[in-house]
Amino acid sequence: MASAQASRRNSNQQQQQNEDQEVDDVDSFQCVEELTNAGIKMAEINKLKEANLATVGAVLATPTKRLLTIRGFSDATVAKIQLAAAKVDTSGSSGMFKTGLQCRQAREKVIKVHTGSKQLDALLGGGIETGSITEFFGEFRSGKTQLCHTLCVTSQLSKESGGAEGRVVYMDTEGNFRPERVEAIAERFGLDPTETLENVIVTRVFNHEQQIDRAHVRISVVNVGVLQNARNVKTSPESQVPLRLTDVLGR
């Protein structure tokens, strides 16, 4: 009996270690509330959230000029918040120095997501890399939107199947998102269509300012609670050029 209890205890410990390791492997998002650990007041954090800056990474990526447009933020306040964000950041967004070994370890966490086409995967060196920006361009009806719909599904596949086991944020700039197409692709890859759609977060944008803003703070625009524990969050933007053209004076 004692032997069985010891075996069960060892099994539970091993399971906990595996879960802890899995958490370490996930690049989770740090909520902006963590700035309280570095002396930032909740009143200031609430103002950051009102400006759609709901993560530490979003604060670090926001230019000083924009932070100064937040009501009640002085030069000293912005400098204090930036210093606090760099202090609590664990993702490397603060731009602090790293060793070459740390860079290699970070690269080892990069996942290449299957595009649905073996030939295209080969051209991309294995698929779409997480943590980077990949741009596709082509003429009308050349398959750009279909590729985005496919990535909505393949991003959710297991790593062994060429996926990232994550959710997707889809920024629709042309009103072309079609859930029925995602459902059909999900069936092709053996996934549950309803569950697949539940893991795709769609936002409609109408100009390039909205697009940049939501790409910059995509987690806060959707819901930090929904996506915070996702293994990887992948954005699938539609064409950017038309929005920029419509925003240029005289067009």
Foldseek 3Di string as FASTA:
>chain_A
DVVVVVVVVVVVVVVVVVVVVLVVLFPFFAFLVCLVVVPDDVVVSVLCLVLLNGTLLLLLPDDPVVVVVRPPADPVNSVSSLVSSLVPDDNCSNVDDDDPVVVVVVVVSKAAADQVDPVVCVVVVRHHIAPDDDDDDDDPPPCLVVSLLLLLQRCCDDSVVRHVVFAEEEEEAPPPDDLVSNLVSCVVVPHHSVVSVVRYHYDYDHALVVVVSCVSSVCSVGDCVVHRPTRGYYYRYDDHVVRHVVPDPPD
